[in-house]
Amino acid sequence: MLCSASCHIASNRIASNRIASHHNSPRQVLVGLYEEPERPPNAVDYIKRYMGAPTGVDVEALRVENEELKKEVAELRATQEEMSQRLREVEEADS
């Protein structure tokens, strides 16, 4: 290979940058928590919010809603298929 040495150096540099940014993130969260003028009542919620995770979301309610919507979609697809079949039958009868 022509660029084997330079490619390895570049890939190692990219990998170490990913590791550094990964380890840097928790440190930034803790520094942000430390520098907060008023301490939040719940540090875990603060960290979740800082990292971009949604807070105050009822996961179980979302799962139930998701299952209900999946059932509704299946019913609508069945209805659509039934209506398509009826339309084909009417078109065949008219021709």
N, C-alpha and C. Protein backbone atom coordinates (compact mmCIF):
# COMPACT_ATOMS: atom_id res chain seq x y z
N MET A 1 0.83 -1.18 0.00
CA MET A 1 0.00 0.00 0.00
C MET A 1 0.88 1.24 0.00
N LEU A 2 0.39 2.27 -0.66
CA LEU A 2 1.17 3.49 -0.78
C LEU A 2 1.15 4.33 0.49
N CYS A 3 0.03 4.40 1.15
CA CYS A 3 -0.08 5.31 2.28
C CYS A 3 -0.29 4.57 3.59
N SER A 4 0.28 3.39 3.72
CA SER A 4 -0.02 2.60 4.91
C SER A 4 0.43 3.29 6.19
N ALA A 5 1.60 3.86 6.22
CA ALA A 5 2.08 4.52 7.44
C ALA A 5 1.27 5.77 7.75
N SER A 6 1.04 6.60 6.74
CA SER A 6 0.28 7.83 6.99
C SER A 6 -1.18 7.53 7.30
N CYS A 7 -1.74 6.48 6.68
CA CYS A 7 -3.12 6.10 6.96
C CYS A 7 -3.27 5.61 8.40
N HIS A 8 -2.29 4.83 8.87
CA HIS A 8 -2.34 4.35 10.25
C HIS A 8 -2.23 5.50 11.23
N ILE A 9 -1.35 6.46 10.93
CA ILE A 9 -1.20 7.62 11.81
C ILE A 9 -2.50 8.41 11.87
N ALA A 10 -3.11 8.63 10.71
CA ALA A 10 -4.36 9.39 10.65
C ALA A 10 -5.48 8.67 11.38
N SER A 11 -5.59 7.36 11.18
CA SER A 11 -6.66 6.62 11.85
C SER A 11 -6.45 6.58 13.36
N ASN A 12 -5.20 6.48 13.80
CA ASN A 12 -4.92 6.51 15.23
C ASN A 12 -5.25 7.87 15.82
N ARG A 13 -4.96 8.94 15.08
CA ARG A 13 -5.26 10.29 15.54
C ARG A 13 -6.77 10.48 15.66
N ILE A 14 -7.53 9.99 14.68
CA ILE A 14 -8.99 10.09 14.71
C ILE A 14 -9.54 9.31 15.90
N ALA A 15 -9.02 8.10 16.12
CA ALA A 15 -9.49 7.27 17.23
C ALA A 15 -9.19 7.94 18.57
N SER A 16 -8.00 8.50 18.72
CA SER A 16 -7.67 9.13 20.00
C SER A 16 -8.49 10.41 20.20
N ASN A 17 -8.83 11.12 19.12
CA ASN A 17 -9.70 12.30 19.25
C ASN A 17 -11.09 11.89 19.71
N ARG A 18 -11.60 10.77 19.18
CA ARG A 18 -12.92 10.28 19.60
C ARG A 18 -12.90 9.91 21.07
N ILE A 19 -11.83 9.23 21.51
CA ILE A 19 -11.72 8.83 22.91
C ILE A 19 -11.62 10.07 23.79
N ALA A 20 -10.82 11.03 23.37
CA ALA A 20 -10.65 12.25 24.17
C ALA A 20 -11.96 13.01 24.29
N SER A 21 -12.72 13.11 23.19
CA SER A 21 -13.99 13.84 23.27
C SER A 21 -15.01 13.07 24.10
N HIS A 22 -14.92 11.74 24.05
CA HIS A 22 -15.84 10.92 24.84
C HIS A 22 -15.57 11.12 26.34
N HIS A 23 -14.31 11.13 26.72
CA HIS A 23 -13.97 11.31 28.13
C HIS A 23 -14.11 12.76 28.56
N ASN A 24 -14.03 13.67 27.63
CA ASN A 24 -14.13 15.08 27.93
C ASN A 24 -15.56 15.47 28.29
N SER A 25 -16.54 14.81 27.72
CA SER A 25 -17.93 15.17 27.92
C SER A 25 -18.38 15.05 29.38
N PRO A 26 -18.13 13.92 30.06
CA PRO A 26 -18.53 13.86 31.47
C PRO A 26 -17.82 14.91 32.33
N ARG A 27 -16.59 15.18 31.99
CA ARG A 27 -15.85 16.19 32.74
C ARG A 27 -16.51 17.56 32.55
N GLN A 28 -16.92 17.87 31.34
CA GLN A 28 -17.59 19.15 31.07
C GLN A 28 -18.91 19.25 31.83
N VAL A 29 -19.63 18.14 31.93
CA VAL A 29 -20.90 18.13 32.66
C VAL A 29 -20.64 18.43 34.13
N LEU A 30 -19.65 17.77 34.70
CA LEU A 30 -19.34 17.98 36.12
C LEU A 30 -18.85 19.40 36.38
N VAL A 31 -18.04 19.94 35.47
CA VAL A 31 -17.58 21.32 35.62
C VAL A 31 -18.77 22.27 35.54
N GLY A 32 -19.68 22.01 34.60
CA GLY A 32 -20.88 22.83 34.48
C GLY A 32 -21.73 22.76 35.74
N LEU A 33 -21.85 21.57 36.31
CA LEU A 33 -22.60 21.41 37.55
C LEU A 33 -21.92 22.17 38.69
N TYR A 34 -20.61 22.09 38.74
CA TYR A 34 -19.86 22.78 39.78
C TYR A 34 -20.00 24.30 39.65
N GLU A 35 -19.99 24.79 38.41
CA GLU A 35 -20.03 26.23 38.16
C GLU A 35 -21.44 26.80 38.21
N GLU A 36 -22.44 25.97 38.35
CA GLU A 36 -23.83 26.43 38.44
C GLU A 36 -24.00 27.28 39.70
N PRO A 37 -24.50 28.52 39.57
CA PRO A 37 -24.62 29.38 40.75
C PRO A 37 -25.57 28.82 41.81
N GLU A 38 -26.68 28.27 41.37
CA GLU A 38 -27.62 27.64 42.30
C GLU A 38 -27.63 26.15 42.01
N ARG A 39 -27.39 25.38 43.02
CA ARG A 39 -27.35 23.93 42.84
C ARG A 39 -28.72 23.40 42.45
N PRO A 40 -28.77 22.58 41.41
CA PRO A 40 -30.06 21.99 41.03
C PRO A 40 -30.52 21.00 42.10
N PRO A 41 -31.83 20.83 42.25
CA PRO A 41 -32.32 19.90 43.28
C PRO A 41 -31.97 18.44 42.99
N ASN A 42 -31.83 18.11 41.72
CA ASN A 42 -31.52 16.73 41.35
C ASN A 42 -30.36 16.75 40.35
N ALA A 43 -29.19 16.31 40.79
CA ALA A 43 -28.00 16.34 39.94
C ALA A 43 -28.14 15.43 38.73
N VAL A 44 -28.81 14.30 38.89
CA VAL A 44 -28.96 13.36 37.78
C VAL A 44 -29.80 13.99 36.67
N ASP A 45 -30.89 14.67 37.04
CA ASP A 45 -31.70 15.35 36.02
C ASP A 45 -30.91 16.45 35.34
N TYR A 46 -30.09 17.16 36.10
CA TYR A 46 -29.24 18.20 35.51
C TYR A 46 -28.29 17.60 34.49
N ILE A 47 -27.67 16.48 34.84
CA ILE A 47 -26.72 15.82 33.93
C ILE A 47 -27.45 15.33 32.68
N LYS A 48 -28.62 14.74 32.86
CA LYS A 48 -29.39 14.28 31.70
C LYS A 48 -29.73 15.45 30.78
N ARG A 49 -30.19 16.55 31.36
CA ARG A 49 -30.53 17.72 30.56
C ARG A 49 -29.29 18.26 29.86
N TYR A 50 -28.17 18.32 30.56
CA TYR A 50 -26.92 18.83 30.00
C TYR A 50 -26.47 17.97 28.83
N MET A 51 -26.65 16.67 28.95
CA MET A 51 -26.23 15.73 27.90
C MET A 51 -27.24 15.65 26.77
N GLY A 52 -28.41 16.27 26.94
CA GLY A 52 -29.39 16.31 25.86
C GLY A 52 -30.49 15.27 25.98
N ALA A 53 -30.53 14.53 27.06
CA ALA A 53 -31.58 13.53 27.24
C ALA A 53 -32.86 14.22 27.69
N PRO A 54 -33.99 13.73 27.22
CA PRO A 54 -35.26 14.33 27.67
C PRO A 54 -35.50 13.99 29.14
N THR A 55 -36.07 14.93 29.85
CA THR A 55 -36.41 14.70 31.25
C THR A 55 -37.91 14.81 31.42
N GLY A 56 -38.42 14.14 32.41
CA GLY A 56 -39.86 14.21 32.68
C GLY A 56 -40.70 13.47 31.67
N VAL A 57 -40.14 12.49 30.98
CA VAL A 57 -40.88 11.74 29.97
C VAL A 57 -41.30 10.41 30.57
N ASP A 58 -42.58 10.08 30.43
CA ASP A 58 -43.10 8.81 30.92
C ASP A 58 -42.88 7.77 29.82
N VAL A 59 -41.84 6.98 29.97
CA VAL A 59 -41.45 6.01 28.94
C VAL A 59 -42.53 4.95 28.77
N GLU A 60 -43.10 4.48 29.87
CA GLU A 60 -44.12 3.44 29.78
C GLU A 60 -45.35 3.93 29.01
N ALA A 61 -45.75 5.18 29.25
CA ALA A 61 -46.89 5.75 28.51
C ALA A 61 -46.57 5.83 27.02
N LEU A 62 -45.33 6.18 26.69
CA LEU A 62 -44.94 6.24 25.28
C LEU A 62 -44.96 4.86 24.64
N ARG A 63 -44.55 3.84 25.38
CA ARG A 63 -44.58 2.47 24.85
C ARG A 63 -46.02 2.03 24.59
N VAL A 64 -46.92 2.32 25.53
CA VAL A 64 -48.33 1.95 25.35
C VAL A 64 -48.90 2.67 24.14
N GLU A 65 -48.62 3.96 24.04
CA GLU A 65 -49.12 4.73 22.90
C GLU A 65 -48.56 4.18 21.59
N ASN A 66 -47.29 3.80 21.59
CA ASN A 66 -46.67 3.24 20.40
C ASN A 66 -47.36 1.95 19.98
N GLU A 67 -47.65 1.08 20.94
CA GLU A 67 -48.35 -0.18 20.62
C GLU A 67 -49.75 0.09 20.07
N GLU A 68 -50.45 1.04 20.67
CA GLU A 68 -51.79 1.39 20.18
C GLU A 68 -51.72 1.92 18.75
N LEU A 69 -50.74 2.75 18.48
CA LEU A 69 -50.59 3.31 17.13
C LEU A 69 -50.22 2.23 16.12
N LYS A 70 -49.41 1.27 16.54
CA LYS A 70 -49.07 0.15 15.64
C LYS A 70 -50.32 -0.64 15.28
N LYS A 71 -51.19 -0.88 16.28
CA LYS A 71 -52.44 -1.61 16.03
C LYS A 71 -53.33 -0.81 15.07
N GLU A 72 -53.41 0.50 15.31
CA GLU A 72 -54.23 1.35 14.45
C GLU A 72 -53.72 1.34 13.01
N VAL A 73 -52.41 1.38 12.84
CA VAL A 73 -51.82 1.34 11.50
C VAL A 73 -52.16 0.01 10.83
N ALA A 74 -52.06 -1.09 11.58
CA ALA A 74 -52.38 -2.40 11.00
C ALA A 74 -53.84 -2.45 10.58
N GLU A 75 -54.74 -1.91 11.41
CA GLU A 75 -56.16 -1.89 11.06
C GLU A 75 -56.41 -1.03 9.82
N LEU A 76 -55.77 0.12 9.75
CA LEU A 76 -55.94 1.00 8.59
C LEU A 76 -55.40 0.36 7.32
N ARG A 77 -54.30 -0.35 7.44
CA ARG A 77 -53.75 -1.04 6.25
C ARG A 77 -54.70 -2.14 5.79
N ALA A 78 -55.30 -2.86 6.74
CA ALA A 78 -56.26 -3.91 6.38
C ALA A 78 -57.48 -3.29 5.70
N THR A 79 -57.97 -2.17 6.24
CA THR A 79 -59.11 -1.47 5.64
C THR A 79 -58.76 -0.99 4.24
N GLN A 80 -57.57 -0.46 4.09
CA GLN A 80 -57.13 0.04 2.78
C GLN A 80 -57.07 -1.10 1.77
N GLU A 81 -56.56 -2.24 2.20
CA GLU A 81 -56.48 -3.39 1.30
C GLU A 81 -57.88 -3.88 0.93
N GLU A 82 -58.78 -3.89 1.91
CA GLU A 82 -60.16 -4.31 1.65
C GLU A 82 -60.83 -3.36 0.65
N MET A 83 -60.64 -2.07 0.83
CA MET A 83 -61.23 -1.08 -0.08
C MET A 83 -60.62 -1.19 -1.47
N SER A 84 -59.34 -1.45 -1.55
CA SER A 84 -58.70 -1.62 -2.86
C SER A 84 -59.28 -2.83 -3.58
N GLN A 85 -59.51 -3.90 -2.83
CA GLN A 85 -60.10 -5.10 -3.42
C GLN A 85 -61.51 -4.83 -3.91
N ARG A 86 -62.31 -4.11 -3.12
CA ARG A 86 -63.67 -3.76 -3.54
C ARG A 86 -63.65 -2.90 -4.80
N LEU A 87 -62.72 -1.95 -4.86
CA LEU A 87 -62.61 -1.08 -6.04
C LEU A 87 -62.27 -1.90 -7.27
N ARG A 88 -61.35 -2.85 -7.13
CA ARG A 88 -61.00 -3.70 -8.28
C ARG A 88 -62.22 -4.49 -8.75
N GLU A 89 -63.00 -5.00 -7.77
CA GLU A 89 -64.19 -5.77 -8.14
C GLU A 89 -65.21 -4.89 -8.87
N VAL A 90 -65.40 -3.65 -8.40
CA VAL A 90 -66.35 -2.74 -9.06
C VAL A 90 -65.85 -2.40 -10.45
N GLU A 91 -64.58 -2.14 -10.60
CA GLU A 91 -64.03 -1.81 -11.91
C GLU A 91 -64.15 -2.98 -12.88
N GLU A 92 -63.95 -4.21 -12.38
CA GLU A 92 -64.07 -5.38 -13.22
C GLU A 92 -65.53 -5.59 -13.63
N ALA A 93 -66.45 -5.29 -12.75
CA ALA A 93 -67.89 -5.46 -13.04
C ALA A 93 -68.35 -4.43 -14.09
N ASP A 94 -67.75 -3.22 -14.05
CA ASP A 94 -68.13 -2.18 -15.00
C ASP A 94 -67.56 -2.41 -16.38
N SER A 95 -66.52 -3.17 -16.49
CA SER A 95 -65.91 -3.35 -17.80
C SER A 95 -66.42 -4.53 -18.57
